[in-house]
Amino acid sequence: MRIMVASDIHGSAFYCEKLLDAFKREKTDKLLLLGDILYHGPRNDLPEGYAPKKVIEMLNAIKDKLLCVRGNCDTEVDQMVLDFPVLADYAILYLGDRLVYATHGHNYNEDKLPPLQKGNILLHGHTHVPVCREHEDYIYMNPGSVSIPKEGSAHGYMMLSDKTVEWKTLDGEVWKRFEF
């Protein structure tokens, strides 16, 4: 199974549309959103094309294809307008025999680990910086940000499969690949 992973849309209809174009191009079954969907937050500037109501409309249109965890900018008010669950603090997925602990990153992260076993993957957004870092007992991965990338990174997403992970720009260019 292949899953697209994205984080930190922050209400940008401009970049949400590019993400959904990439989702169609990738022909995957599911899109996992790692939080911060509608609101830009007090520490971020408004992203290009900030239009949360348009983001609501675009994402509700594909609600059956979405998995989502709650970000620090997501609230119960957001759940009232989104037709898919957005308030879970984490999700557990499996890539082959590897457990993937998916969360936003503001509660669980490299400094405060969730319950992981050797070989598990900690997957989170929040920092807006794409990362793949192998630790002795687990692997940490971050797709970066769809709308407000930081530290010179690209607007992008990740593709997960049982054997590989690819970090891609919204145009589909692979710029990093990790194989299990």
N, C-alpha and C. Protein backbone atom coordinates (compact mmCIF):
# COMPACT_ATOMS: atom_id res chain seq x y z
N MET A 1 0.83 -1.18 0.00
CA MET A 1 0.00 0.00 0.00
C MET A 1 0.87 1.25 0.00
N ARG A 2 0.46 2.24 -0.75
CA ARG A 2 1.16 3.54 -0.76
C ARG A 2 0.25 4.58 -0.12
N ILE A 3 0.84 5.39 0.74
CA ILE A 3 0.10 6.45 1.42
C ILE A 3 0.85 7.76 1.21
N MET A 4 0.12 8.81 0.84
CA MET A 4 0.69 10.14 0.78
C MET A 4 0.58 10.76 2.17
N VAL A 5 1.63 11.44 2.61
CA VAL A 5 1.64 12.09 3.91
C VAL A 5 1.97 13.57 3.72
N ALA A 6 1.16 14.43 4.34
CA ALA A 6 1.40 15.87 4.25
C ALA A 6 1.08 16.50 5.59
N SER A 7 1.64 17.67 5.81
CA SER A 7 1.42 18.36 7.08
C SER A 7 1.39 19.87 6.87
N ASP A 8 0.75 20.54 7.80
CA ASP A 8 0.85 21.99 7.91
C ASP A 8 0.39 22.74 6.66
N ILE A 9 -0.87 22.52 6.29
CA ILE A 9 -1.49 23.27 5.20
C ILE A 9 -1.77 24.71 5.65
N HIS A 10 -2.14 24.87 6.88
CA HIS A 10 -2.36 26.19 7.50
C HIS A 10 -3.31 27.09 6.72
N GLY A 11 -4.37 26.50 6.16
CA GLY A 11 -5.41 27.31 5.53
C GLY A 11 -5.10 27.83 4.14
N SER A 12 -4.01 27.38 3.53
CA SER A 12 -3.65 27.86 2.21
C SER A 12 -4.38 27.08 1.12
N ALA A 13 -5.37 27.72 0.51
CA ALA A 13 -6.09 27.08 -0.60
C ALA A 13 -5.15 26.90 -1.80
N PHE A 14 -4.24 27.84 -1.99
CA PHE A 14 -3.28 27.77 -3.09
C PHE A 14 -2.45 26.48 -3.00
N TYR A 15 -1.87 26.21 -1.84
CA TYR A 15 -1.03 25.02 -1.70
C TYR A 15 -1.85 23.75 -1.48
N CYS A 16 -3.03 23.87 -0.91
CA CYS A 16 -3.90 22.70 -0.78
C CYS A 16 -4.28 22.18 -2.16
N GLU A 17 -4.58 23.09 -3.07
CA GLU A 17 -4.91 22.67 -4.43
C GLU A 17 -3.73 21.96 -5.09
N LYS A 18 -2.53 22.48 -4.90
CA LYS A 18 -1.34 21.82 -5.45
C LYS A 18 -1.14 20.44 -4.82
N LEU A 19 -1.40 20.33 -3.52
CA LEU A 19 -1.30 19.04 -2.84
C LEU A 19 -2.30 18.04 -3.42
N LEU A 20 -3.53 18.48 -3.62
CA LEU A 20 -4.55 17.58 -4.16
C LEU A 20 -4.27 17.22 -5.61
N ASP A 21 -3.66 18.11 -6.36
CA ASP A 21 -3.20 17.75 -7.72
C ASP A 21 -2.15 16.65 -7.64
N ALA A 22 -1.23 16.77 -6.69
CA ALA A 22 -0.20 15.74 -6.50
C ALA A 22 -0.84 14.43 -6.05
N PHE A 23 -1.84 14.50 -5.19
CA PHE A 23 -2.54 13.30 -4.72
C PHE A 23 -3.17 12.56 -5.89
N LYS A 24 -3.80 13.28 -6.80
CA LYS A 24 -4.38 12.65 -8.00
C LYS A 24 -3.28 12.05 -8.87
N ARG A 25 -2.19 12.77 -9.04
CA ARG A 25 -1.08 12.31 -9.86
C ARG A 25 -0.45 11.04 -9.29
N GLU A 26 -0.35 10.96 -7.97
CA GLU A 26 0.29 9.81 -7.31
C GLU A 26 -0.60 8.56 -7.31
N LYS A 27 -1.91 8.75 -7.48
CA LYS A 27 -2.87 7.63 -7.52
C LYS A 27 -2.75 6.74 -6.28
N THR A 28 -2.77 7.37 -5.13
CA THR A 28 -2.71 6.61 -3.87
C THR A 28 -4.10 6.47 -3.28
N ASP A 29 -4.22 5.53 -2.37
CA ASP A 29 -5.51 5.27 -1.74
C ASP A 29 -5.86 6.27 -0.65
N LYS A 30 -4.87 6.69 0.11
CA LYS A 30 -5.11 7.53 1.28
C LYS A 30 -4.13 8.69 1.34
N LEU A 31 -4.62 9.79 1.91
CA LEU A 31 -3.81 10.95 2.22
C LEU A 31 -3.87 11.14 3.73
N LEU A 32 -2.72 11.03 4.37
CA LEU A 32 -2.61 11.22 5.82
C LEU A 32 -2.15 12.64 6.07
N LEU A 33 -2.99 13.41 6.76
CA LEU A 33 -2.66 14.79 7.11
C LEU A 33 -2.21 14.83 8.57
N LEU A 34 -1.03 15.38 8.81
CA LEU A 34 -0.46 15.41 10.15
C LEU A 34 -0.76 16.72 10.89
N GLY A 35 -1.93 17.29 10.65
CA GLY A 35 -2.41 18.41 11.43
C GLY A 35 -2.11 19.78 10.89
N ASP A 36 -2.62 20.78 11.61
CA ASP A 36 -2.55 22.20 11.25
C ASP A 36 -3.12 22.42 9.85
N ILE A 37 -4.41 22.18 9.76
CA ILE A 37 -5.10 22.19 8.48
C ILE A 37 -5.61 23.58 8.07
N LEU A 38 -6.32 24.25 8.97
CA LEU A 38 -7.05 25.46 8.57
C LEU A 38 -6.43 26.76 9.07
N TYR A 39 -5.90 26.78 10.26
CA TYR A 39 -5.45 28.03 10.87
C TYR A 39 -3.93 28.17 10.74
N HIS A 40 -3.44 29.38 10.52
CA HIS A 40 -2.01 29.59 10.33
C HIS A 40 -1.24 29.68 11.63
N GLY A 41 -1.92 29.95 12.73
CA GLY A 41 -1.26 30.03 14.03
C GLY A 41 -0.63 31.39 14.27
N PRO A 42 -0.43 31.75 15.53
CA PRO A 42 0.09 33.08 15.86
C PRO A 42 1.56 33.29 15.54
N ARG A 43 2.32 32.21 15.33
CA ARG A 43 3.76 32.36 15.06
C ARG A 43 4.09 32.39 13.58
N ASN A 44 3.12 32.07 12.74
CA ASN A 44 3.36 32.02 11.30
C ASN A 44 2.72 33.20 10.60
N ASP A 45 3.36 33.66 9.54
CA ASP A 45 2.73 34.63 8.66
C ASP A 45 1.62 33.93 7.90
N LEU A 46 0.69 34.70 7.34
CA LEU A 46 -0.35 34.11 6.50
C LEU A 46 0.31 33.46 5.30
N PRO A 47 -0.04 32.21 5.01
CA PRO A 47 0.53 31.57 3.82
C PRO A 47 -0.12 32.12 2.56
N GLU A 48 0.55 31.92 1.45
CA GLU A 48 0.00 32.34 0.16
C GLU A 48 -1.36 31.69 -0.06
N GLY A 49 -2.32 32.47 -0.51
CA GLY A 49 -3.65 31.93 -0.81
C GLY A 49 -4.43 31.52 0.42
N TYR A 50 -4.21 32.21 1.54
CA TYR A 50 -4.92 31.86 2.78
C TYR A 50 -6.42 32.02 2.58
N ALA A 51 -7.12 30.88 2.61
CA ALA A 51 -8.57 30.85 2.41
C ALA A 51 -9.11 29.56 3.03
N PRO A 52 -9.20 29.52 4.36
CA PRO A 52 -9.62 28.29 5.04
C PRO A 52 -10.94 27.72 4.54
N LYS A 53 -11.90 28.57 4.18
CA LYS A 53 -13.19 28.05 3.70
C LYS A 53 -13.02 27.26 2.40
N LYS A 54 -12.10 27.68 1.55
CA LYS A 54 -11.84 26.92 0.32
C LYS A 54 -11.14 25.60 0.65
N VAL A 55 -10.24 25.61 1.63
CA VAL A 55 -9.57 24.38 2.06
C VAL A 55 -10.60 23.40 2.60
N ILE A 56 -11.54 23.89 3.39
CA ILE A 56 -12.62 23.04 3.92
C ILE A 56 -13.35 22.36 2.76
N GLU A 57 -13.73 23.14 1.77
CA GLU A 57 -14.47 22.61 0.62
C GLU A 57 -13.65 21.56 -0.13
N MET A 58 -12.38 21.85 -0.38
CA MET A 58 -11.53 20.91 -1.13
C MET A 58 -11.33 19.59 -0.37
N LEU A 59 -11.07 19.68 0.93
CA LEU A 59 -10.81 18.47 1.70
C LEU A 59 -12.09 17.67 1.96
N ASN A 60 -13.19 18.35 2.24
CA ASN A 60 -14.46 17.63 2.43
C ASN A 60 -14.85 16.85 1.19
N ALA A 61 -14.46 17.33 0.03
CA ALA A 61 -14.79 16.65 -1.23
C ALA A 61 -14.09 15.29 -1.35
N ILE A 62 -13.00 15.09 -0.61
CA ILE A 62 -12.29 13.79 -0.66
C ILE A 62 -12.24 13.14 0.72
N LYS A 63 -13.21 13.42 1.55
CA LYS A 63 -13.21 12.97 2.95
C LYS A 63 -12.98 11.47 3.12
N ASP A 64 -13.45 10.66 2.20
CA ASP A 64 -13.29 9.21 2.32
C ASP A 64 -11.86 8.74 2.08
N LYS A 65 -11.02 9.61 1.56
CA LYS A 65 -9.64 9.25 1.28
C LYS A 65 -8.67 9.81 2.32
N LEU A 66 -9.21 10.51 3.35
CA LEU A 66 -8.35 11.20 4.31
C LEU A 66 -8.23 10.47 5.64
N LEU A 67 -7.02 10.50 6.16
CA LEU A 67 -6.74 10.15 7.55
C LEU A 67 -6.12 11.41 8.14
N CYS A 68 -6.36 11.68 9.40
CA CYS A 68 -5.86 12.94 9.94
C CYS A 68 -5.58 12.82 11.43
N VAL A 69 -4.55 13.52 11.88
CA VAL A 69 -4.30 13.71 13.31
C VAL A 69 -4.36 15.20 13.61
N ARG A 70 -4.58 15.50 14.85
CA ARG A 70 -4.77 16.88 15.31
C ARG A 70 -3.44 17.60 15.47
N GLY A 71 -3.36 18.81 14.92
CA GLY A 71 -2.21 19.66 15.13
C GLY A 71 -2.46 20.66 16.24
N ASN A 72 -1.45 21.39 16.63
CA ASN A 72 -1.61 22.37 17.70
C ASN A 72 -2.48 23.55 17.29
N CYS A 73 -2.72 23.74 15.99
CA CYS A 73 -3.60 24.82 15.52
C CYS A 73 -5.00 24.32 15.19
N ASP A 74 -5.27 23.04 15.37
CA ASP A 74 -6.59 22.47 15.06
C ASP A 74 -7.44 22.44 16.33
N THR A 75 -8.74 22.77 16.18
CA THR A 75 -9.63 22.86 17.34
C THR A 75 -10.95 22.16 17.08
N GLU A 76 -11.76 22.10 18.12
CA GLU A 76 -13.09 21.51 17.99
C GLU A 76 -13.95 22.29 17.01
N VAL A 77 -13.72 23.58 16.89
CA VAL A 77 -14.46 24.39 15.91
C VAL A 77 -14.15 23.90 14.49
N ASP A 78 -12.89 23.53 14.24
CA ASP A 78 -12.52 23.00 12.93
C ASP A 78 -13.29 21.71 12.64
N GLN A 79 -13.44 20.86 13.66
CA GLN A 79 -14.15 19.60 13.47
C GLN A 79 -15.61 19.85 13.07
N MET A 80 -16.16 20.97 13.50
CA MET A 80 -17.55 21.28 13.17
C MET A 80 -17.76 21.55 11.68
N VAL A 81 -16.70 21.93 10.95
CA VAL A 81 -16.83 22.24 9.53
C VAL A 81 -16.17 21.21 8.62
N LEU A 82 -15.36 20.35 9.20
CA LEU A 82 -14.70 19.30 8.41
C LEU A 82 -15.47 18.00 8.55
N ASP A 83 -15.70 17.32 7.44
CA ASP A 83 -16.52 16.11 7.42
C ASP A 83 -15.72 14.83 7.62
N PHE A 84 -14.53 14.93 8.17
CA PHE A 84 -13.68 13.77 8.46
C PHE A 84 -13.04 14.03 9.82
N PRO A 85 -12.70 12.98 10.56
CA PRO A 85 -12.15 13.15 11.91
C PRO A 85 -10.79 13.85 11.88
N VAL A 86 -10.64 14.88 12.74
CA VAL A 86 -9.38 15.63 12.80
C VAL A 86 -8.85 15.79 14.22
N LEU A 87 -9.50 15.21 15.21
CA LEU A 87 -9.12 15.50 16.59
C LEU A 87 -8.34 14.40 17.29
N ALA A 88 -7.94 13.35 16.58
CA ALA A 88 -7.13 12.29 17.20
C ALA A 88 -5.70 12.80 17.40
N ASP A 89 -5.13 12.53 18.55
CA ASP A 89 -3.76 12.96 18.82
C ASP A 89 -2.73 12.15 18.05
N TYR A 90 -3.09 10.94 17.65
CA TYR A 90 -2.15 10.10 16.91
C TYR A 90 -2.92 9.05 16.12
N ALA A 91 -2.22 8.43 15.20
CA ALA A 91 -2.75 7.30 14.44
C ALA A 91 -1.64 6.25 14.36
N ILE A 92 -2.02 5.01 14.36
CA ILE A 92 -1.08 3.90 14.21
C ILE A 92 -1.30 3.27 12.84
N LEU A 93 -0.24 3.16 12.06
CA LEU A 93 -0.28 2.53 10.75
C LEU A 93 0.79 1.45 10.71
N TYR A 94 0.70 0.58 9.74
CA TYR A 94 1.75 -0.41 9.54
C TYR A 94 2.27 -0.33 8.12
N LEU A 95 3.59 -0.31 7.98
CA LEU A 95 4.26 -0.45 6.70
C LEU A 95 4.97 -1.78 6.76
N GLY A 96 4.39 -2.78 6.11
CA GLY A 96 4.94 -4.12 6.26
C GLY A 96 4.86 -4.51 7.72
N ASP A 97 5.99 -4.86 8.31
CA ASP A 97 6.01 -5.24 9.72
C ASP A 97 6.43 -4.08 10.64
N ARG A 98 6.55 -2.89 10.10
CA ARG A 98 6.93 -1.71 10.91
C ARG A 98 5.70 -0.94 11.38
N LEU A 99 5.68 -0.62 12.65
CA LEU A 99 4.64 0.25 13.18
C LEU A 99 5.04 1.70 12.92
N VAL A 100 4.08 2.48 12.46
CA VAL A 100 4.28 3.90 12.25
C VAL A 100 3.39 4.65 13.24
N TYR A 101 4.00 5.43 14.10
CA TYR A 101 3.28 6.26 15.06
C TYR A 101 3.20 7.65 14.45
N ALA A 102 2.02 8.01 13.94
CA ALA A 102 1.83 9.29 13.27
C ALA A 102 1.16 10.28 14.21
N THR A 103 1.76 11.44 14.36
CA THR A 103 1.24 12.47 15.24
C THR A 103 1.65 13.83 14.67
N HIS A 104 1.19 14.91 15.27
CA HIS A 104 1.57 16.22 14.74
C HIS A 104 2.99 16.60 15.11
N GLY A 105 3.40 16.33 16.34
CA GLY A 105 4.76 16.64 16.76
C GLY A 105 4.85 17.63 17.90
N HIS A 106 3.77 18.27 18.26
CA HIS A 106 3.82 19.23 19.36
C HIS A 106 3.76 18.54 20.72
N ASN A 107 3.20 17.34 20.79
CA ASN A 107 3.19 16.58 22.04
C ASN A 107 4.25 15.49 22.05
N TYR A 108 4.25 14.66 21.03
CA TYR A 108 5.25 13.60 20.91
C TYR A 108 6.21 13.94 19.78
N ASN A 109 7.50 13.79 20.06
CA ASN A 109 8.55 14.14 19.11
C ASN A 109 9.85 13.47 19.56
N GLU A 110 10.96 13.85 18.97
CA GLU A 110 12.25 13.23 19.33
C GLU A 110 12.64 13.52 20.78
N ASP A 111 12.17 14.61 21.34
CA ASP A 111 12.49 14.94 22.73
C ASP A 111 11.53 14.30 23.73
N LYS A 112 10.34 13.93 23.28
CA LYS A 112 9.35 13.28 24.12
C LYS A 112 8.71 12.17 23.30
N LEU A 113 9.29 10.98 23.41
CA LEU A 113 8.87 9.86 22.57
C LEU A 113 7.57 9.22 23.03
N PRO A 114 6.76 8.81 22.07
CA PRO A 114 5.61 7.96 22.40
C PRO A 114 6.13 6.55 22.66
N PRO A 115 5.26 5.63 23.06
CA PRO A 115 5.72 4.25 23.24
C PRO A 115 6.11 3.62 21.90
N LEU A 116 7.39 3.41 21.70
CA LEU A 116 7.91 2.83 20.46
C LEU A 116 8.74 1.60 20.79
N GLN A 117 8.80 0.68 19.84
CA GLN A 117 9.69 -0.47 19.95
C GLN A 117 10.74 -0.38 18.86
N LYS A 118 11.78 -1.15 19.00
CA LYS A 118 12.89 -1.12 18.04
C LYS A 118 12.37 -1.31 16.62
N GLY A 119 12.79 -0.42 15.72
CA GLY A 119 12.40 -0.50 14.32
C GLY A 119 11.16 0.30 13.96
N ASN A 120 10.42 0.82 14.97
CA ASN A 120 9.22 1.62 14.71
C ASN A 120 9.60 2.96 14.08
N ILE A 121 8.60 3.60 13.51
CA ILE A 121 8.80 4.91 12.88
C ILE A 121 7.97 5.94 13.62
N LEU A 122 8.61 7.03 14.03
CA LEU A 122 7.91 8.19 14.55
C LEU A 122 7.75 9.16 13.39
N LEU A 123 6.51 9.45 13.03
CA LEU A 123 6.19 10.31 11.89
C LEU A 123 5.43 11.52 12.39
N HIS A 124 6.00 12.70 12.20
CA HIS A 124 5.26 13.90 12.58
C HIS A 124 5.65 15.09 11.73
N GLY A 125 4.79 16.11 11.76
CA GLY A 125 5.02 17.37 11.08
C GLY A 125 5.47 18.41 12.09
N HIS A 126 4.75 19.53 12.17
CA HIS A 126 4.91 20.58 13.17
C HIS A 126 6.12 21.48 12.97
N THR A 127 7.27 20.95 12.64
CA THR A 127 8.48 21.78 12.54
C THR A 127 8.60 22.46 11.18
N HIS A 128 7.85 21.98 10.20
CA HIS A 128 7.89 22.51 8.83
C HIS A 128 9.22 22.22 8.13
N VAL A 129 9.98 21.26 8.67
CA VAL A 129 11.28 20.90 8.12
C VAL A 129 11.28 19.41 7.82
N PRO A 130 11.50 19.01 6.57
CA PRO A 130 11.54 17.58 6.25
C PRO A 130 12.78 16.92 6.84
N VAL A 131 12.57 15.72 7.40
CA VAL A 131 13.66 15.02 8.09
C VAL A 131 13.51 13.52 7.91
N CYS A 132 14.64 12.84 7.85
CA CYS A 132 14.71 11.40 8.03
C CYS A 132 15.96 11.14 8.86
N ARG A 133 15.75 10.69 10.10
CA ARG A 133 16.87 10.49 11.00
C ARG A 133 16.74 9.12 11.66
N GLU A 134 17.76 8.31 11.48
CA GLU A 134 17.76 6.98 12.08
C GLU A 134 18.40 7.05 13.47
N HIS A 135 17.64 6.63 14.46
CA HIS A 135 18.14 6.50 15.83
C HIS A 135 18.40 5.02 16.08
N GLU A 136 19.02 4.73 17.18
CA GLU A 136 19.35 3.33 17.50
C GLU A 136 18.09 2.45 17.55
N ASP A 137 17.02 2.98 18.13
CA ASP A 137 15.82 2.17 18.33
C ASP A 137 14.64 2.50 17.42
N TYR A 138 14.68 3.63 16.74
CA TYR A 138 13.54 4.02 15.91
C TYR A 138 14.02 4.95 14.79
N ILE A 139 13.12 5.21 13.85
CA ILE A 139 13.40 6.13 12.75
C ILE A 139 12.42 7.30 12.87
N TYR A 140 12.94 8.51 12.78
CA TYR A 140 12.11 9.71 12.81
C TYR A 140 11.99 10.27 11.40
N MET A 141 10.73 10.54 10.98
CA MET A 141 10.48 11.11 9.66
C MET A 141 9.50 12.27 9.77
N ASN A 142 9.71 13.28 8.92
CA ASN A 142 8.86 14.46 8.88
C ASN A 142 8.71 14.86 7.41
N PRO A 143 7.47 15.08 6.94
CA PRO A 143 7.29 15.46 5.54
C PRO A 143 7.59 16.92 5.24
N GLY A 144 7.80 17.74 6.28
CA GLY A 144 7.94 19.18 6.07
C GLY A 144 6.57 19.82 6.02
N SER A 145 6.44 20.92 5.32
CA SER A 145 5.17 21.65 5.28
C SER A 145 4.70 21.84 3.84
N VAL A 146 3.39 21.73 3.69
CA VAL A 146 2.77 21.99 2.39
C VAL A 146 2.86 23.48 2.06
N SER A 147 2.54 24.36 3.05
CA SER A 147 2.38 25.78 2.73
C SER A 147 3.43 26.72 3.30
N ILE A 148 4.08 26.36 4.40
CA ILE A 148 5.04 27.26 5.04
C ILE A 148 6.32 26.49 5.37
N PRO A 149 7.06 26.03 4.37
CA PRO A 149 8.29 25.29 4.65
C PRO A 149 9.34 26.20 5.31
N LYS A 150 10.16 25.58 6.12
CA LYS A 150 11.20 26.34 6.83
C LYS A 150 12.58 25.77 6.53
N GLU A 151 13.59 26.55 6.89
CA GLU A 151 15.01 26.19 6.71
C GLU A 151 15.36 25.89 5.26
N GLY A 152 14.74 26.63 4.34
CA GLY A 152 15.07 26.50 2.93
C GLY A 152 14.50 25.27 2.25
N SER A 153 13.61 24.56 2.93
CA SER A 153 13.03 23.36 2.33
C SER A 153 11.92 23.74 1.34
N ALA A 154 11.52 22.76 0.55
CA ALA A 154 10.50 22.96 -0.47
C ALA A 154 9.11 22.70 0.08
N HIS A 155 8.10 23.26 -0.58
CA HIS A 155 6.71 22.90 -0.31
C HIS A 155 6.59 21.44 -0.75
N GLY A 156 6.23 20.54 0.18
CA GLY A 156 6.28 19.15 -0.23
C GLY A 156 5.45 18.19 0.60
N TYR A 157 5.67 16.92 0.32
CA TYR A 157 4.95 15.82 0.95
C TYR A 157 5.83 14.58 0.92
N MET A 158 5.34 13.49 1.52
CA MET A 158 6.03 12.20 1.51
C MET A 158 5.14 11.14 0.90
N MET A 159 5.78 10.14 0.33
CA MET A 159 5.09 8.94 -0.13
C MET A 159 5.64 7.75 0.66
N LEU A 160 4.75 7.05 1.36
CA LEU A 160 5.13 5.88 2.16
C LEU A 160 4.70 4.60 1.46
N SER A 161 5.59 3.63 1.43
CA SER A 161 5.21 2.28 0.99
C SER A 161 5.92 1.29 1.90
N ASP A 162 5.66 0.01 1.71
CA ASP A 162 6.26 -1.01 2.58
C ASP A 162 7.79 -1.02 2.52
N LYS A 163 8.36 -0.62 1.42
CA LYS A 163 9.82 -0.73 1.23
C LYS A 163 10.55 0.60 1.14
N THR A 164 9.83 1.69 0.77
CA THR A 164 10.51 2.97 0.56
C THR A 164 9.69 4.14 1.08
N VAL A 165 10.40 5.21 1.33
CA VAL A 165 9.78 6.51 1.63
C VAL A 165 10.43 7.51 0.70
N GLU A 166 9.61 8.34 0.07
CA GLU A 166 10.14 9.39 -0.81
C GLU A 166 9.60 10.74 -0.36
N TRP A 167 10.49 11.72 -0.31
CA TRP A 167 10.12 13.10 -0.07
C TRP A 167 10.06 13.77 -1.43
N LYS A 168 8.94 14.46 -1.70
CA LYS A 168 8.74 15.07 -3.01
C LYS A 168 8.30 16.52 -2.87
N THR A 169 8.65 17.30 -3.88
CA THR A 169 8.11 18.65 -3.98
C THR A 169 6.67 18.53 -4.46
N LEU A 170 5.90 19.59 -4.34
CA LEU A 170 4.52 19.55 -4.81
C LEU A 170 4.43 19.34 -6.31
N ASP A 171 5.52 19.58 -7.03
CA ASP A 171 5.57 19.30 -8.47
C ASP A 171 5.89 17.84 -8.76
N GLY A 172 6.18 17.05 -7.73
CA GLY A 172 6.44 15.62 -7.91
C GLY A 172 7.90 15.24 -8.01
N GLU A 173 8.80 16.20 -7.88
CA GLU A 173 10.24 15.91 -7.95
C GLU A 173 10.69 15.21 -6.67
N VAL A 174 11.29 14.03 -6.82
CA VAL A 174 11.84 13.30 -5.67
C VAL A 174 13.16 13.93 -5.30
N TRP A 175 13.30 14.35 -4.05
CA TRP A 175 14.57 14.94 -3.64
C TRP A 175 15.23 14.16 -2.51
N LYS A 176 14.52 13.17 -1.96
CA LYS A 176 15.13 12.29 -0.97
C LYS A 176 14.38 10.97 -0.99
N ARG A 177 15.13 9.90 -0.77
CA ARG A 177 14.56 8.55 -0.78
C ARG A 177 15.19 7.75 0.34
N PHE A 178 14.37 6.99 1.06
CA PHE A 178 14.84 6.11 2.14
C PHE A 178 14.30 4.73 1.89
N GLU A 179 15.17 3.72 1.95
CA GLU A 179 14.74 2.34 1.74
C GLU A 179 14.92 1.56 3.02
N PHE A 180 13.94 0.70 3.30
CA PHE A 180 13.99 -0.16 4.50
C PHE A 180 14.80 -1.39 4.23
